[in-house]
Amino acid sequence: MTTLYRLLTEEDTSAFCHKVSKALARGWVLHGSPAYAFDAESGKMRCAQAVTKQVEADYAHEMKLGEQ
C-alpha cells in the first residue's frame, strides 16, 4: 500500500472548488487545512489544498497522480 500526495492549486474561483471536489470524488482525502495567498505576479488570490490517497501499487515517479 502506498500513500500518494498532491497539492491542488488554483486561482480563487469556483474552479478551485471543482478541482478539490473532483479529487474527493476519486477517493482522495483532504490533508491539512487549505491555504490562501496573494500571487503578486498575477495580482490574484490563489488557493491550495493538500490531498492524499492510498493505492495498491508501488510508487513510481512516472505516475500521473491526477489519474490515480
PDB file of N, CA and C in Angstrom:
ATOM      1  N   MET A   1       0.864  -1.175   0.000  1.00  0.00           N
ATOM      2  CA  MET A   1       0.000   0.000   0.000  1.00  0.00           C
ATOM      3  C   MET A   1       0.901   1.226   0.000  1.00  0.00           C
ATOM      4  N   THR A   2       0.600   2.175  -0.852  1.00  0.00           N
ATOM      5  CA  THR A   2       1.378   3.394  -0.979  1.00  0.00           C
ATOM      6  C   THR A   2       0.464   4.599  -0.750  1.00  0.00           C
ATOM      7  N   THR A   3       0.964   5.603  -0.043  1.00  0.00           N
ATOM      8  CA  THR A   3       0.233   6.849   0.128  1.00  0.00           C
ATOM      9  C   THR A   3       0.734   7.855  -0.893  1.00  0.00           C
ATOM     10  N   LEU A   4      -0.171   8.361  -1.711  1.00  0.00           N
ATOM     11  CA  LEU A   4       0.172   9.388  -2.688  1.00  0.00           C
ATOM     12  C   LEU A   4      -0.216  10.752  -2.132  1.00  0.00           C
ATOM     13  N   TYR A   5       0.485  11.781  -2.558  1.00  0.00           N
ATOM     14  CA  TYR A   5       0.263  13.150  -2.085  1.00  0.00           C
ATOM     15  C   TYR A   5       0.175  14.078  -3.280  1.00  0.00           C
ATOM     16  N   ARG A   6      -0.797  14.986  -3.232  1.00  0.00           N
ATOM     17  CA  ARG A   6      -0.916  16.031  -4.261  1.00  0.00           C
ATOM     18  C   ARG A   6      -1.209  17.350  -3.571  1.00  0.00           C
ATOM     19  N   LEU A   7      -0.745  18.420  -4.159  1.00  0.00           N
ATOM     20  CA  LEU A   7      -1.097  19.760  -3.709  1.00  0.00           C
ATOM     21  C   LEU A   7      -1.875  20.415  -4.848  1.00  0.00           C
ATOM     22  N   LEU A   8      -3.166  20.584  -4.634  1.00  0.00           N
ATOM     23  CA  LEU A   8      -4.032  21.189  -5.641  1.00  0.00           C
ATOM     24  C   LEU A   8      -3.986  22.701  -5.479  1.00  0.00           C
ATOM     25  N   THR A   9      -3.799  23.428  -6.561  1.00  0.00           N
ATOM     26  CA  THR A   9      -3.760  24.890  -6.517  1.00  0.00           C
ATOM     27  C   THR A   9      -4.593  25.446  -7.660  1.00  0.00           C
ATOM     28  N   GLU A  10      -5.073  26.651  -7.455  1.00  0.00           N
ATOM     29  CA  GLU A  10      -5.893  27.298  -8.478  1.00  0.00           C
ATOM     30  C   GLU A  10      -6.168  28.719  -8.022  1.00  0.00           C
ATOM     31  N   GLU A  11      -6.537  29.572  -8.956  1.00  0.00           N
ATOM     32  CA  GLU A  11      -6.998  30.906  -8.577  1.00  0.00           C
ATOM     33  C   GLU A  11      -8.236  30.759  -7.702  1.00  0.00           C
ATOM     34  N   ASP A  12      -8.526  31.775  -6.918  1.00  0.00           N
ATOM     35  CA  ASP A  12      -9.672  31.754  -6.012  1.00  0.00           C
ATOM     36  C   ASP A  12     -10.965  31.945  -6.792  1.00  0.00           C
ATOM     37  N   THR A  13     -11.392  30.888  -7.468  1.00  0.00           N
ATOM     38  CA  THR A  13     -12.648  30.865  -8.215  1.00  0.00           C
ATOM     39  C   THR A  13     -13.332  29.529  -7.934  1.00  0.00           C
ATOM     40  N   SER A  14     -14.491  29.335  -8.505  1.00  0.00           N
ATOM     41  CA  SER A  14     -15.187  28.061  -8.320  1.00  0.00           C
ATOM     42  C   SER A  14     -14.389  26.909  -8.935  1.00  0.00           C
ATOM     43  N   ALA A  15     -13.478  27.207  -9.856  1.00  0.00           N
ATOM     44  CA  ALA A  15     -12.642  26.160 -10.460  1.00  0.00           C
ATOM     45  C   ALA A  15     -11.834  25.423  -9.395  1.00  0.00           C
ATOM     46  N   PHE A  16     -11.380  26.148  -8.377  1.00  0.00           N
ATOM     47  CA  PHE A  16     -10.630  25.504  -7.295  1.00  0.00           C
ATOM     48  C   PHE A  16     -11.528  24.523  -6.550  1.00  0.00           C
ATOM     49  N   CYS A  17     -12.736  24.939  -6.214  1.00  0.00           N
ATOM     50  CA  CYS A  17     -13.674  24.055  -5.504  1.00  0.00           C
ATOM     51  C   CYS A  17     -13.991  22.823  -6.340  1.00  0.00           C
ATOM     52  N   HIS A  18     -14.162  23.009  -7.646  1.00  0.00           N
ATOM     53  CA  HIS A  18     -14.435  21.869  -8.528  1.00  0.00           C
ATOM     54  C   HIS A  18     -13.240  20.918  -8.580  1.00  0.00           C
ATOM     55  N   LYS A  19     -12.034  21.466  -8.599  1.00  0.00           N
ATOM     56  CA  LYS A  19     -10.831  20.632  -8.638  1.00  0.00           C
ATOM     57  C   LYS A  19     -10.732  19.777  -7.379  1.00  0.00           C
ATOM     58  N   VAL A  20     -10.970  20.386  -6.221  1.00  0.00           N
ATOM     59  CA  VAL A  20     -10.918  19.638  -4.956  1.00  0.00           C
ATOM     60  C   VAL A  20     -12.059  18.624  -4.905  1.00  0.00           C
ATOM     61  N   SER A  21     -13.250  19.019  -5.301  1.00  0.00           N
ATOM     62  CA  SER A  21     -14.402  18.110  -5.287  1.00  0.00           C
ATOM     63  C   SER A  21     -14.166  16.902  -6.196  1.00  0.00           C
ATOM     64  N   LYS A  22     -13.572  17.123  -7.346  1.00  0.00           N
ATOM     65  CA  LYS A  22     -13.267  16.021  -8.269  1.00  0.00           C
ATOM     66  C   LYS A  22     -12.282  15.050  -7.632  1.00  0.00           C
ATOM     67  N   ALA A  23     -11.261  15.579  -6.962  1.00  0.00           N
ATOM     68  CA  ALA A  23     -10.290  14.712  -6.293  1.00  0.00           C
ATOM     69  C   ALA A  23     -10.969  13.894  -5.192  1.00  0.00           C
ATOM     70  N   LEU A  24     -11.839  14.528  -4.410  1.00  0.00           N
ATOM     71  CA  LEU A  24     -12.556  13.821  -3.346  1.00  0.00           C
ATOM     72  C   LEU A  24     -13.444  12.724  -3.927  1.00  0.00           C
ATOM     73  N   ALA A  25     -14.093  13.000  -5.043  1.00  0.00           N
ATOM     74  CA  ALA A  25     -14.954  12.010  -5.689  1.00  0.00           C
ATOM     75  C   ALA A  25     -14.150  10.822  -6.205  1.00  0.00           C
ATOM     76  N   ARG A  26     -12.866  11.029  -6.459  1.00  0.00           N
ATOM     77  CA  ARG A  26     -11.991   9.955  -6.950  1.00  0.00           C
ATOM     78  C   ARG A  26     -11.260   9.243  -5.813  1.00  0.00           C
ATOM     79  N   GLY A  27     -11.644   9.537  -4.571  1.00  0.00           N
ATOM     80  CA  GLY A  27     -11.081   8.807  -3.445  1.00  0.00           C
ATOM     81  C   GLY A  27      -9.942   9.485  -2.720  1.00  0.00           C
ATOM     82  N   TRP A  28      -9.556  10.689  -3.141  1.00  0.00           N
ATOM     83  CA  TRP A  28      -8.528  11.429  -2.423  1.00  0.00           C
ATOM     84  C   TRP A  28      -9.135  11.964  -1.127  1.00  0.00           C
ATOM     85  N   VAL A  29      -8.297  12.183  -0.118  1.00  0.00           N
ATOM     86  CA  VAL A  29      -8.743  12.643   1.197  1.00  0.00           C
ATOM     87  C   VAL A  29      -8.022  13.951   1.527  1.00  0.00           C
ATOM     88  N   LEU A  30      -8.766  14.910   2.088  1.00  0.00           N
ATOM     89  CA  LEU A  30      -8.143  16.178   2.482  1.00  0.00           C
ATOM     90  C   LEU A  30      -7.024  15.921   3.485  1.00  0.00           C
ATOM     91  N   HIS A  31      -5.935  16.650   3.345  1.00  0.00           N
ATOM     92  CA  HIS A  31      -4.792  16.526   4.246  1.00  0.00           C
ATOM     93  C   HIS A  31      -4.428  17.929   4.729  1.00  0.00           C
ATOM     94  N   GLY A  32      -4.767  18.227   5.969  1.00  0.00           N
ATOM     95  CA  GLY A  32      -4.473  19.553   6.498  1.00  0.00           C
ATOM     96  C   GLY A  32      -5.487  20.583   6.044  1.00  0.00           C
ATOM     97  N   SER A  33      -5.207  21.806   6.403  1.00  0.00           N
ATOM     98  CA  SER A  33      -6.103  22.922   6.088  1.00  0.00           C
ATOM     99  C   SER A  33      -5.754  23.544   4.737  1.00  0.00           C
ATOM    100  N   PRO A  34      -6.712  24.178   4.095  1.00  0.00           N
ATOM    101  CA  PRO A  34      -6.404  24.882   2.853  1.00  0.00           C
ATOM    102  C   PRO A  34      -5.558  26.125   3.134  1.00  0.00           C
ATOM    103  N   ALA A  35      -4.874  26.575   2.114  1.00  0.00           N
ATOM    104  CA  ALA A  35      -4.065  27.801   2.215  1.00  0.00           C
ATOM    105  C   ALA A  35      -4.594  28.803   1.198  1.00  0.00           C
ATOM    106  N   TYR A  36      -4.379  30.068   1.493  1.00  0.00           N
ATOM    107  CA  TYR A  36      -4.900  31.156   0.674  1.00  0.00           C
ATOM    108  C   TYR A  36      -3.829  32.231   0.653  1.00  0.00           C
ATOM    109  N   ALA A  37      -3.383  32.640  -0.531  1.00  0.00           N
ATOM    110  CA  ALA A  37      -2.283  33.610  -0.601  1.00  0.00           C
ATOM    111  C   ALA A  37      -2.423  34.487  -1.848  1.00  0.00           C
ATOM    112  N   PHE A  38      -1.832  35.654  -1.777  1.00  0.00           N
ATOM    113  CA  PHE A  38      -1.818  36.590  -2.895  1.00  0.00           C
ATOM    114  C   PHE A  38      -0.669  36.253  -3.825  1.00  0.00           C
ATOM    115  N   ASP A  39      -0.960  36.113  -5.112  1.00  0.00           N
ATOM    116  CA  ASP A  39       0.046  35.870  -6.140  1.00  0.00           C
ATOM    117  C   ASP A  39       0.399  37.222  -6.752  1.00  0.00           C
ATOM    118  N   ALA A  40       1.532  37.780  -6.349  1.00  0.00           N
ATOM    119  CA  ALA A  40       1.919  39.119  -6.789  1.00  0.00           C
ATOM    120  C   ALA A  40       2.128  39.185  -8.305  1.00  0.00           C
ATOM    121  N   GLU A  41       2.578  38.097  -8.907  1.00  0.00           N
ATOM    122  CA  GLU A  41       2.837  38.101 -10.346  1.00  0.00           C
ATOM    123  C   GLU A  41       1.542  38.266 -11.148  1.00  0.00           C
ATOM    124  N   SER A  42       0.495  37.555 -10.735  1.00  0.00           N
ATOM    125  CA  SER A  42      -0.774  37.639 -11.465  1.00  0.00           C
ATOM    126  C   SER A  42      -1.719  38.684 -10.875  1.00  0.00           C
ATOM    127  N   GLY A  43      -1.440  39.100  -9.637  1.00  0.00           N
ATOM    128  CA  GLY A  43      -2.307  40.059  -8.966  1.00  0.00           C
ATOM    129  C   GLY A  43      -3.608  39.455  -8.459  1.00  0.00           C
ATOM    130  N   LYS A  44      -3.628  38.119  -8.314  1.00  0.00           N
ATOM    131  CA  LYS A  44      -4.845  37.426  -7.894  1.00  0.00           C
ATOM    132  C   LYS A  44      -4.578  36.567  -6.658  1.00  0.00           C
ATOM    133  N   MET A  45      -5.649  36.249  -5.955  1.00  0.00           N
ATOM    134  CA  MET A  45      -5.548  35.336  -4.824  1.00  0.00           C
ATOM    135  C   MET A  45      -5.537  33.903  -5.351  1.00  0.00           C
ATOM    136  N   ARG A  46      -4.769  33.044  -4.679  1.00  0.00           N
ATOM    137  CA  ARG A  46      -4.696  31.630  -5.047  1.00  0.00           C
ATOM    138  C   ARG A  46      -5.007  30.775  -3.827  1.00  0.00           C
ATOM    139  N   CYS A  47      -5.581  29.620  -4.081  1.00  0.00           N
ATOM    140  CA  CYS A  47      -5.911  28.653  -3.034  1.00  0.00           C
ATOM    141  C   CYS A  47      -5.065  27.402  -3.241  1.00  0.00           C
ATOM    142  N   ALA A  48      -4.832  26.688  -2.144  1.00  0.00           N
ATOM    143  CA  ALA A  48      -4.118  25.417  -2.204  1.00  0.00           C
ATOM    144  C   ALA A  48      -4.724  24.465  -1.183  1.00  0.00           C
ATOM    145  N   GLN A  49      -4.787  23.188  -1.537  1.00  0.00           N
ATOM    146  CA  GLN A  49      -5.266  22.154  -0.623  1.00  0.00           C
ATOM    147  C   GLN A  49      -4.491  20.879  -0.898  1.00  0.00           C
ATOM    148  N   ALA A  50      -3.900  20.322   0.147  1.00  0.00           N
ATOM    149  CA  ALA A  50      -3.212  19.046   0.017  1.00  0.00           C
ATOM    150  C   ALA A  50      -4.228  17.921   0.133  1.00  0.00           C
ATOM    151  N   VAL A  51      -4.013  16.860  -0.645  1.00  0.00           N
ATOM    152  CA  VAL A  51      -4.841  15.666  -0.587  1.00  0.00           C
ATOM    153  C   VAL A  51      -3.929  14.439  -0.637  1.00  0.00           C
ATOM    154  N   THR A  52      -4.396  13.341  -0.046  1.00  0.00           N
ATOM    155  CA  THR A  52      -3.652  12.084  -0.079  1.00  0.00           C
ATOM    156  C   THR A  52      -4.584  10.963  -0.509  1.00  0.00           C
ATOM    157  N   LYS A  53      -3.986   9.855  -0.952  1.00  0.00           N
ATOM    158  CA  LYS A  53      -4.772   8.694  -1.361  1.00  0.00           C
ATOM    159  C   LYS A  53      -3.940   7.438  -1.182  1.00  0.00           C
ATOM    160  N   GLN A  54      -4.565   6.399  -0.648  1.00  0.00           N
ATOM    161  CA  GLN A  54      -3.924   5.088  -0.523  1.00  0.00           C
ATOM    162  C   GLN A  54      -4.183   4.307  -1.814  1.00  0.00           C
ATOM    163  N   VAL A  55      -3.125   3.751  -2.407  1.00  0.00           N
ATOM    164  CA  VAL A  55      -3.268   2.943  -3.628  1.00  0.00           C
ATOM    165  C   VAL A  55      -2.553   1.616  -3.456  1.00  0.00           C
ATOM    166  N   GLU A  56      -3.005   0.636  -4.189  1.00  0.00           N
ATOM    167  CA  GLU A  56      -2.424  -0.715  -4.146  1.00  0.00           C
ATOM    168  C   GLU A  56      -1.347  -0.842  -5.223  1.00  0.00           C
ATOM    169  N   ALA A  57      -0.364   0.021  -5.188  1.00  0.00           N
ATOM    170  CA  ALA A  57       0.715  -0.003  -6.177  1.00  0.00           C
ATOM    171  C   ALA A  57       1.966   0.584  -5.541  1.00  0.00           C
ATOM    172  N   ASP A  58       3.106   0.183  -6.060  1.00  0.00           N
ATOM    173  CA  ASP A  58       4.353   0.784  -5.611  1.00  0.00           C
ATOM    174  C   ASP A  58       4.465   2.170  -6.234  1.00  0.00           C
ATOM    175  N   TYR A  59       5.039   3.099  -5.486  1.00  0.00           N
ATOM    176  CA  TYR A  59       5.227   4.452  -6.012  1.00  0.00           C
ATOM    177  C   TYR A  59       6.243   4.434  -7.146  1.00  0.00           C
ATOM    178  N   ALA A  60       5.956   5.182  -8.188  1.00  0.00           N
ATOM    179  CA  ALA A  60       6.884   5.380  -9.304  1.00  0.00           C
ATOM    180  C   ALA A  60       6.792   6.845  -9.720  1.00  0.00           C
ATOM    181  N   HIS A  61       7.928   7.453  -9.947  1.00  0.00           N
ATOM    182  CA  HIS A  61       7.979   8.870 -10.326  1.00  0.00           C
ATOM    183  C   HIS A  61       7.144   9.151 -11.579  1.00  0.00           C
ATOM    184  N   GLU A  62       6.985   8.170 -12.421  1.00  0.00           N
ATOM    185  CA  GLU A  62       6.256   8.338 -13.677  1.00  0.00           C
ATOM    186  C   GLU A  62       4.741   8.349 -13.480  1.00  0.00           C
ATOM    187  N   MET A  63       4.256   8.042 -12.287  1.00  0.00           N
ATOM    188  CA  MET A  63       2.807   8.009 -12.044  1.00  0.00           C
ATOM    189  C   MET A  63       2.186   9.353 -12.353  1.00  0.00           C
ATOM    190  N   LYS A  64       1.051   9.343 -12.993  1.00  0.00           N
ATOM    191  CA  LYS A  64       0.277  10.565 -13.201  1.00  0.00           C
ATOM    192  C   LYS A  64      -0.705  10.627 -12.042  1.00  0.00           C
ATOM    193  N   LEU A  65      -0.374  11.438 -11.039  1.00  0.00           N
ATOM    194  CA  LEU A  65      -1.152  11.435  -9.800  1.00  0.00           C
ATOM    195  C   LEU A  65      -2.606  11.792 -10.021  1.00  0.00           C
ATOM    196  N   GLY A  66      -2.902  12.674 -10.930  1.00  0.00           N
ATOM    197  CA  GLY A  66      -4.284  13.049 -11.192  1.00  0.00           C
ATOM    198  C   GLY A  66      -5.117  11.936 -11.783  1.00  0.00           C
ATOM    199  N   GLU A  67      -4.465  10.899 -12.287  1.00  0.00           N
ATOM    200  CA  GLU A  67      -5.183   9.773 -12.876  1.00  0.00           C
ATOM    201  C   GLU A  67      -5.353   8.626 -11.892  1.00  0.00           C
ATOM    202  N   GLN A  68      -4.845   8.778 -10.695  1.00  0.00           N
ATOM    203  CA  GLN A  68      -4.926   7.712  -9.684  1.00  0.00           C
ATOM    204  C   GLN A  68      -6.264   7.723  -8.992  1.00  0.00           C
TER     205      GLN A  68
END
